[in-house]
PDB file of all heavy atoms in Angstrom:
ATOM      1  N   LYS A   1     -56.934 -25.488 -17.628  1.00  0.00           N
ATOM      2  CA  LYS A   1     -55.638 -25.518 -16.941  1.00  0.00           C
ATOM      3  C   LYS A   1     -54.472 -25.181 -17.878  1.00  0.00           C
ATOM      4  O   LYS A   1     -53.587 -24.417 -17.516  1.00  0.00           O
ATOM      5  CB  LYS A   1     -55.405 -26.866 -16.274  1.00  0.00           C
ATOM      6  CG  LYS A   1     -54.120 -26.886 -15.483  1.00  0.00           C
ATOM      7  CD  LYS A   1     -53.949 -28.145 -14.679  1.00  0.00           C
ATOM      8  CE  LYS A   1     -52.614 -28.047 -13.971  1.00  0.00           C
ATOM      9  NZ  LYS A   1     -52.597 -28.554 -12.676  1.00  0.00           N
ATOM     10  N   ALA A   2     -54.463 -25.754 -19.091  1.00  0.00           N
ATOM     11  CA  ALA A   2     -53.365 -25.489 -20.023  1.00  0.00           C
ATOM     12  C   ALA A   2     -53.284 -24.001 -20.369  1.00  0.00           C
ATOM     13  O   ALA A   2     -52.184 -23.431 -20.423  1.00  0.00           O
ATOM     14  CB  ALA A   2     -53.518 -26.323 -21.291  1.00  0.00           C
ATOM     15  N   ASP A   3     -54.428 -23.353 -20.594  1.00  0.00           N
ATOM     16  CA  ASP A   3     -54.433 -21.912 -20.887  1.00  0.00           C
ATOM     17  C   ASP A   3     -53.913 -21.112 -19.691  1.00  0.00           C
ATOM     18  O   ASP A   3     -53.142 -20.167 -19.848  1.00  0.00           O
ATOM     19  CB  ASP A   3     -55.836 -21.425 -21.244  1.00  0.00           C
ATOM     20  CG  ASP A   3     -56.281 -21.862 -22.627  1.00  0.00           C
ATOM     21  OD1 ASP A   3     -55.427 -22.315 -23.420  1.00  0.00           O
ATOM     22  OD2 ASP A   3     -57.491 -21.749 -22.909  1.00  0.00           O
ATOM     23  N   ALA A   4     -54.353 -21.495 -18.499  1.00  0.00           N
ATOM     24  CA  ALA A   4     -53.922 -20.786 -17.290  1.00  0.00           C
ATOM     25  C   ALA A   4     -52.417 -20.934 -17.097  1.00  0.00           C
ATOM     26  O   ALA A   4     -51.729 -19.955 -16.776  1.00  0.00           O
ATOM     27  CB  ALA A   4     -54.682 -21.307 -16.071  1.00  0.00           C
ATOM     28  N   GLU A   5     -51.900 -22.137 -17.292  1.00  0.00           N
ATOM     29  CA  GLU A   5     -50.460 -22.362 -17.137  1.00  0.00           C
ATOM     30  C   GLU A   5     -49.669 -21.589 -18.188  1.00  0.00           C
ATOM     31  O   GLU A   5     -48.605 -21.029 -17.894  1.00  0.00           O
ATOM     32  CB  GLU A   5     -50.135 -23.853 -17.191  1.00  0.00           C
ATOM     33  CG  GLU A   5     -50.661 -24.633 -15.986  1.00  0.00           C
ATOM     34  CD  GLU A   5     -50.144 -24.113 -14.653  1.00  0.00           C
ATOM     35  OE1 GLU A   5     -48.942 -23.786 -14.538  1.00  0.00           O
ATOM     36  OE2 GLU A   5     -50.958 -24.014 -13.706  1.00  0.00           O
ATOM     37  N   GLU A   6     -50.175 -21.546 -19.418  1.00  0.00           N
ATOM     38  CA  GLU A   6     -49.511 -20.782 -20.478  1.00  0.00           C
ATOM     39  C   GLU A   6     -49.479 -19.293 -20.125  1.00  0.00           C
ATOM     40  O   GLU A   6     -48.451 -18.626 -20.274  1.00  0.00           O
ATOM     41  CB  GLU A   6     -50.221 -20.982 -21.815  1.00  0.00           C
ATOM     42  CG  GLU A   6     -49.602 -20.184 -22.935  1.00  0.00           C
ATOM     43  CD  GLU A   6     -50.355 -20.286 -24.256  1.00  0.00           C
ATOM     44  OE1 GLU A   6     -51.423 -20.929 -24.318  1.00  0.00           O
ATOM     45  OE2 GLU A   6     -49.869 -19.698 -25.235  1.00  0.00           O
ATOM     46  N   ALA A   7     -50.589 -18.783 -19.643  1.00  0.00           N
ATOM     47  CA  ALA A   7     -50.656 -17.362 -19.268  1.00  0.00           C
ATOM     48  C   ALA A   7     -49.680 -17.061 -18.132  1.00  0.00           C
ATOM     49  O   ALA A   7     -48.973 -16.045 -18.170  1.00  0.00           O
ATOM     50  CB  ALA A   7     -52.079 -16.992 -18.865  1.00  0.00           C
ATOM     51  N   LYS A   8     -49.609 -17.929 -17.131  1.00  0.00           N
ATOM     52  CA  LYS A   8     -48.688 -17.711 -16.015  1.00  0.00           C
ATOM     53  C   LYS A   8     -47.241 -17.720 -16.492  1.00  0.00           C
ATOM     54  O   LYS A   8     -46.434 -16.879 -16.079  1.00  0.00           O
ATOM     55  CB  LYS A   8     -48.891 -18.770 -14.930  1.00  0.00           C
ATOM     56  CG  LYS A   8     -50.175 -18.578 -14.143  1.00  0.00           C
ATOM     57  CD  LYS A   8     -50.202 -19.428 -12.911  1.00  0.00           C
ATOM     58  CE  LYS A   8     -50.839 -20.750 -13.148  1.00  0.00           C
ATOM     59  NZ  LYS A   8     -51.032 -21.524 -11.907  1.00  0.00           N
ATOM     60  N   GLU A   9     -46.916 -18.651 -17.381  1.00  0.00           N
ATOM     61  CA  GLU A   9     -45.551 -18.746 -17.895  1.00  0.00           C
ATOM     62  C   GLU A   9     -45.182 -17.499 -18.702  1.00  0.00           C
ATOM     63  O   GLU A   9     -44.103 -16.930 -18.518  1.00  0.00           O
ATOM     64  CB  GLU A   9     -45.405 -19.992 -18.762  1.00  0.00           C
ATOM     65  CG  GLU A   9     -43.999 -20.209 -19.264  1.00  0.00           C
ATOM     66  CD  GLU A   9     -43.870 -21.481 -20.068  1.00  0.00           C
ATOM     67  OE1 GLU A   9     -44.513 -22.494 -19.730  1.00  0.00           O
ATOM     68  OE2 GLU A   9     -43.120 -21.458 -21.057  1.00  0.00           O
ATOM     69  N   ILE A  10     -46.067 -17.079 -19.591  1.00  0.00           N
ATOM     70  CA  ILE A  10     -45.815 -15.867 -20.391  1.00  0.00           C
ATOM     71  C   ILE A  10     -45.631 -14.668 -19.464  1.00  0.00           C
ATOM     72  O   ILE A  10     -44.705 -13.876 -19.618  1.00  0.00           O
ATOM     73  CB  ILE A  10     -46.963 -15.613 -21.385  1.00  0.00           C
ATOM     74  CG1 ILE A  10     -46.958 -16.689 -22.474  1.00  0.00           C
ATOM     75  CG2 ILE A  10     -46.856 -14.216 -22.005  1.00  0.00           C
ATOM     76  CD1 ILE A  10     -48.208 -16.693 -23.345  1.00  0.00           C
ATOM     77  N   CYS A  11     -46.491 -14.561 -18.496  1.00  0.00           N
ATOM     78  CA  CYS A  11     -46.441 -13.453 -17.556  1.00  0.00           C
ATOM     79  C   CYS A  11     -45.114 -13.445 -16.791  1.00  0.00           C
ATOM     80  O   CYS A  11     -44.432 -12.428 -16.726  1.00  0.00           O
ATOM     81  CB  CYS A  11     -47.627 -13.577 -16.597  1.00  0.00           C
ATOM     82  SG  CYS A  11     -47.783 -12.243 -15.432  1.00  0.00           S
ATOM     83  N   ARG A  12     -44.752 -14.595 -16.220  1.00  0.00           N
ATOM     84  CA  ARG A  12     -43.520 -14.672 -15.426  1.00  0.00           C
ATOM     85  C   ARG A  12     -42.271 -14.433 -16.271  1.00  0.00           C
ATOM     86  O   ARG A  12     -41.325 -13.810 -15.809  1.00  0.00           O
ATOM     87  CB  ARG A  12     -43.417 -16.034 -14.743  1.00  0.00           C
ATOM     88  CG  ARG A  12     -44.340 -16.192 -13.562  1.00  0.00           C
ATOM     89  CD  ARG A  12     -44.040 -17.455 -12.795  1.00  0.00           C
ATOM     90  NE  ARG A  12     -44.228 -18.634 -13.625  1.00  0.00           N
ATOM     91  CZ  ARG A  12     -45.232 -19.489 -13.509  1.00  0.00           C
ATOM     92  NH1 ARG A  12     -46.149 -19.304 -12.575  1.00  0.00           N
ATOM     93  NH2 ARG A  12     -45.327 -20.529 -14.295  1.00  0.00           N
ATOM     94  N   ASP A  13     -42.267 -14.942 -17.507  1.00  0.00           N
ATOM     95  CA  ASP A  13     -41.062 -14.889 -18.332  1.00  0.00           C
ATOM     96  C   ASP A  13     -40.924 -13.639 -19.198  1.00  0.00           C
ATOM     97  O   ASP A  13     -39.813 -13.254 -19.540  1.00  0.00           O
ATOM     98  CB  ASP A  13     -40.998 -16.105 -19.262  1.00  0.00           C
ATOM     99  CG  ASP A  13     -40.834 -17.406 -18.498  1.00  0.00           C
ATOM    100  OD1 ASP A  13     -40.502 -17.379 -17.293  1.00  0.00           O
ATOM    101  OD2 ASP A  13     -41.045 -18.476 -19.110  1.00  0.00           O
ATOM    102  N   ARG A  14     -42.048 -13.009 -19.579  1.00  0.00           N
ATOM    103  CA  ARG A  14     -41.958 -11.932 -20.571  1.00  0.00           C
ATOM    104  C   ARG A  14     -42.563 -10.599 -20.176  1.00  0.00           C
ATOM    105  O   ARG A  14     -42.378  -9.617 -20.890  1.00  0.00           O
ATOM    106  CB  ARG A  14     -42.633 -12.389 -21.866  1.00  0.00           C
ATOM    107  CG  ARG A  14     -41.855 -13.465 -22.562  1.00  0.00           C
ATOM    108  CD  ARG A  14     -42.366 -13.651 -23.956  1.00  0.00           C
ATOM    109  NE  ARG A  14     -43.177 -14.860 -24.018  1.00  0.00           N
ATOM    110  CZ  ARG A  14     -44.079 -15.106 -24.936  1.00  0.00           C
ATOM    111  NH1 ARG A  14     -44.337 -14.232 -25.870  1.00  0.00           N
ATOM    112  NH2 ARG A  14     -44.747 -16.224 -24.931  1.00  0.00           N
ATOM    113  N   CYS A  15     -43.305 -10.541 -19.095  1.00  0.00           N
ATOM    114  CA  CYS A  15     -43.991  -9.281 -18.800  1.00  0.00           C
ATOM    115  C   CYS A  15     -43.103  -8.328 -17.992  1.00  0.00           C
ATOM    116  O   CYS A  15     -42.655  -8.668 -16.895  1.00  0.00           O
ATOM    117  CB  CYS A  15     -45.293  -9.535 -18.047  1.00  0.00           C
ATOM    118  SG  CYS A  15     -46.271  -8.016 -17.931  1.00  0.00           S
ATOM    119  N   PRO A  16     -42.873  -7.126 -18.514  1.00  0.00           N
ATOM    120  CA  PRO A  16     -42.008  -6.166 -17.822  1.00  0.00           C
ATOM    121  C   PRO A  16     -42.661  -5.510 -16.600  1.00  0.00           C
ATOM    122  O   PRO A  16     -41.983  -4.838 -15.837  1.00  0.00           O
ATOM    123  CB  PRO A  16     -41.710  -5.122 -18.902  1.00  0.00           C
ATOM    124  CG  PRO A  16     -42.917  -5.146 -19.786  1.00  0.00           C
ATOM    125  CD  PRO A  16     -43.356  -6.591 -19.800  1.00  0.00           C
ATOM    126  N   VAL A  17     -43.952  -5.706 -16.424  1.00  0.00           N
ATOM    127  CA  VAL A  17     -44.648  -5.058 -15.299  1.00  0.00           C
ATOM    128  C   VAL A  17     -45.288  -6.087 -14.362  1.00  0.00           C
ATOM    129  O   VAL A  17     -46.225  -5.776 -13.636  1.00  0.00           O
ATOM    130  CB  VAL A  17     -45.704  -4.044 -15.801  1.00  0.00           C
ATOM    131  CG1 VAL A  17     -45.040  -2.889 -16.526  1.00  0.00           C
ATOM    132  CG2 VAL A  17     -46.741  -4.714 -16.684  1.00  0.00           C
ATOM    133  N   ARG A  18     -44.749  -7.296 -14.340  1.00  0.00           N
ATOM    134  CA  ARG A  18     -45.307  -8.371 -13.514  1.00  0.00           C
ATOM    135  C   ARG A  18     -45.378  -7.973 -12.037  1.00  0.00           C
ATOM    136  O   ARG A  18     -46.365  -8.225 -11.352  1.00  0.00           O
ATOM    137  CB  ARG A  18     -44.478  -9.643 -13.670  1.00  0.00           C
ATOM    138  CG  ARG A  18     -45.054 -10.829 -12.937  1.00  0.00           C
ATOM    139  CD  ARG A  18     -44.206 -12.054 -13.138  1.00  0.00           C
ATOM    140  NE  ARG A  18     -42.931 -11.972 -12.463  1.00  0.00           N
ATOM    141  CZ  ARG A  18     -42.751 -12.275 -11.184  1.00  0.00           C
ATOM    142  NH1 ARG A  18     -43.759 -12.677 -10.452  1.00  0.00           N
ATOM    143  NH2 ARG A  18     -41.563 -12.174 -10.639  1.00  0.00           N
ATOM    144  N   THR A  19     -44.344  -7.320 -11.537  1.00  0.00           N
ATOM    145  CA  THR A  19     -44.318  -6.924 -10.130  1.00  0.00           C
ATOM    146  C   THR A  19     -45.435  -5.931  -9.811  1.00  0.00           C
ATOM    147  O   THR A  19     -46.131  -6.078  -8.807  1.00  0.00           O
ATOM    148  CB  THR A  19     -42.943  -6.318  -9.779  1.00  0.00           C
ATOM    149  OG1 THR A  19     -41.941  -7.286 -10.094  1.00  0.00           O
ATOM    150  CG2 THR A  19     -42.845  -5.961  -8.319  1.00  0.00           C
ATOM    151  N   GLN A  20     -45.613  -4.925 -10.667  1.00  0.00           N
ATOM    152  CA  GLN A  20     -46.682  -3.948 -10.448  1.00  0.00           C
ATOM    153  C   GLN A  20     -48.045  -4.622 -10.525  1.00  0.00           C
ATOM    154  O   GLN A  20     -48.954  -4.313  -9.763  1.00  0.00           O
ATOM    155  CB  GLN A  20     -46.616  -2.818 -11.477  1.00  0.00           C
ATOM    156  CG  GLN A  20     -45.408  -1.933 -11.349  1.00  0.00           C
ATOM    157  CD  GLN A  20     -44.302  -2.336 -12.318  1.00  0.00           C
ATOM    158  OE1 GLN A  20     -44.030  -3.510 -12.534  1.00  0.00           O
ATOM    159  NE2 GLN A  20     -43.646  -1.348 -12.899  1.00  0.00           N
ATOM    160  N   CYS A  21     -48.207  -5.541 -11.466  1.00  0.00           N
ATOM    161  CA  CYS A  21     -49.467  -6.245 -11.653  1.00  0.00           C
ATOM    162  C   CYS A  21     -49.819  -7.062 -10.409  1.00  0.00           C
ATOM    163  O   CYS A  21     -50.950  -7.025  -9.931  1.00  0.00           O
ATOM    164  CB  CYS A  21     -49.369  -7.141 -12.886  1.00  0.00           C
ATOM    165  SG  CYS A  21     -50.857  -8.081 -13.241  1.00  0.00           S
ATOM    166  N   LEU A  22     -48.841  -7.812  -9.897  1.00  0.00           N
ATOM    167  CA  LEU A  22     -49.098  -8.624  -8.710  1.00  0.00           C
ATOM    168  C   LEU A  22     -49.435  -7.741  -7.512  1.00  0.00           C
ATOM    169  O   LEU A  22     -50.383  -8.016  -6.770  1.00  0.00           O
ATOM    170  CB  LEU A  22     -47.891  -9.514  -8.402  1.00  0.00           C
ATOM    171  CG  LEU A  22     -48.032 -10.395  -7.167  1.00  0.00           C
ATOM    172  CD1 LEU A  22     -49.235 -11.325  -7.285  1.00  0.00           C
ATOM    173  CD2 LEU A  22     -46.748 -11.197  -6.956  1.00  0.00           C
ATOM    174  N   ALA A  23     -48.690  -6.662  -7.332  1.00  0.00           N
ATOM    175  CA  ALA A  23     -48.965  -5.749  -6.218  1.00  0.00           C
ATOM    176  C   ALA A  23     -50.370  -5.172  -6.336  1.00  0.00           C
ATOM    177  O   ALA A  23     -51.107  -5.071  -5.341  1.00  0.00           O
ATOM    178  CB  ALA A  23     -47.924  -4.630  -6.183  1.00  0.00           C
ATOM    179  N   HIS A  24     -50.764  -4.795  -7.550  1.00  0.00           N
ATOM    180  CA  HIS A  24     -52.103  -4.250  -7.774  1.00  0.00           C
ATOM    181  C   HIS A  24     -53.170  -5.296  -7.453  1.00  0.00           C
ATOM    182  O   HIS A  24     -54.145  -5.009  -6.754  1.00  0.00           O
ATOM    183  CB  HIS A  24     -52.230  -3.781  -9.222  1.00  0.00           C
ATOM    184  CG  HIS A  24     -53.612  -3.370  -9.603  1.00  0.00           C
ATOM    185  ND1 HIS A  24     -54.189  -2.207  -9.145  1.00  0.00           N
ATOM    186  CD2 HIS A  24     -54.537  -3.987 -10.376  1.00  0.00           C
ATOM    187  CE1 HIS A  24     -55.414  -2.110  -9.631  1.00  0.00           C
ATOM    188  NE2 HIS A  24     -55.647  -3.177 -10.382  1.00  0.00           N
ATOM    189  N   ALA A  25     -52.982  -6.521  -7.952  1.00  0.00           N
ATOM    190  CA  ALA A  25     -53.964  -7.582  -7.694  1.00  0.00           C
ATOM    191  C   ALA A  25     -54.089  -7.854  -6.204  1.00  0.00           C
ATOM    192  O   ALA A  25     -55.206  -7.967  -5.679  1.00  0.00           O
ATOM    193  CB  ALA A  25     -53.570  -8.857  -8.440  1.00  0.00           C
ATOM    194  N   LEU A  26     -52.972  -7.943  -5.497  1.00  0.00           N
ATOM    195  CA  LEU A  26     -53.028  -8.198  -4.052  1.00  0.00           C
ATOM    196  C   LEU A  26     -53.714  -7.057  -3.315  1.00  0.00           C
ATOM    197  O   LEU A  26     -54.446  -7.286  -2.350  1.00  0.00           O
ATOM    198  CB  LEU A  26     -51.624  -8.440  -3.495  1.00  0.00           C
ATOM    199  CG  LEU A  26     -50.951  -9.728  -3.951  1.00  0.00           C
ATOM    200  CD1 LEU A  26     -49.513  -9.778  -3.453  1.00  0.00           C
ATOM    201  CD2 LEU A  26     -51.740 -10.950  -3.501  1.00  0.00           C
ATOM    202  N   ARG A  27     -53.510  -5.828  -3.784  1.00  0.00           N
ATOM    203  CA  ARG A  27     -54.135  -4.664  -3.140  1.00  0.00           C
ATOM    204  C   ARG A  27     -55.654  -4.672  -3.335  1.00  0.00           C
ATOM    205  O   ARG A  27     -56.402  -4.482  -2.390  1.00  0.00           O
ATOM    206  CB  ARG A  27     -53.518  -3.382  -3.699  1.00  0.00           C
ATOM    207  CG  ARG A  27     -53.964  -2.118  -3.015  1.00  0.00           C
ATOM    208  CD  ARG A  27     -53.190  -0.874  -3.469  1.00  0.00           C
ATOM    209  NE  ARG A  27     -53.087  -0.704  -4.910  1.00  0.00           N
ATOM    210  CZ  ARG A  27     -51.976  -0.934  -5.630  1.00  0.00           C
ATOM    211  NH1 ARG A  27     -50.870  -1.345  -5.043  1.00  0.00           N
ATOM    212  NH2 ARG A  27     -51.966  -0.750  -6.938  1.00  0.00           N
TER     213      ARG A  27
END
């Protein structure tokens, strides 16, 4: 859980392509 939460936080706060990534995953 701690690793997953850390990854989500890094992704939400620092990733410039988070929107594209989420759209790709949902697709």
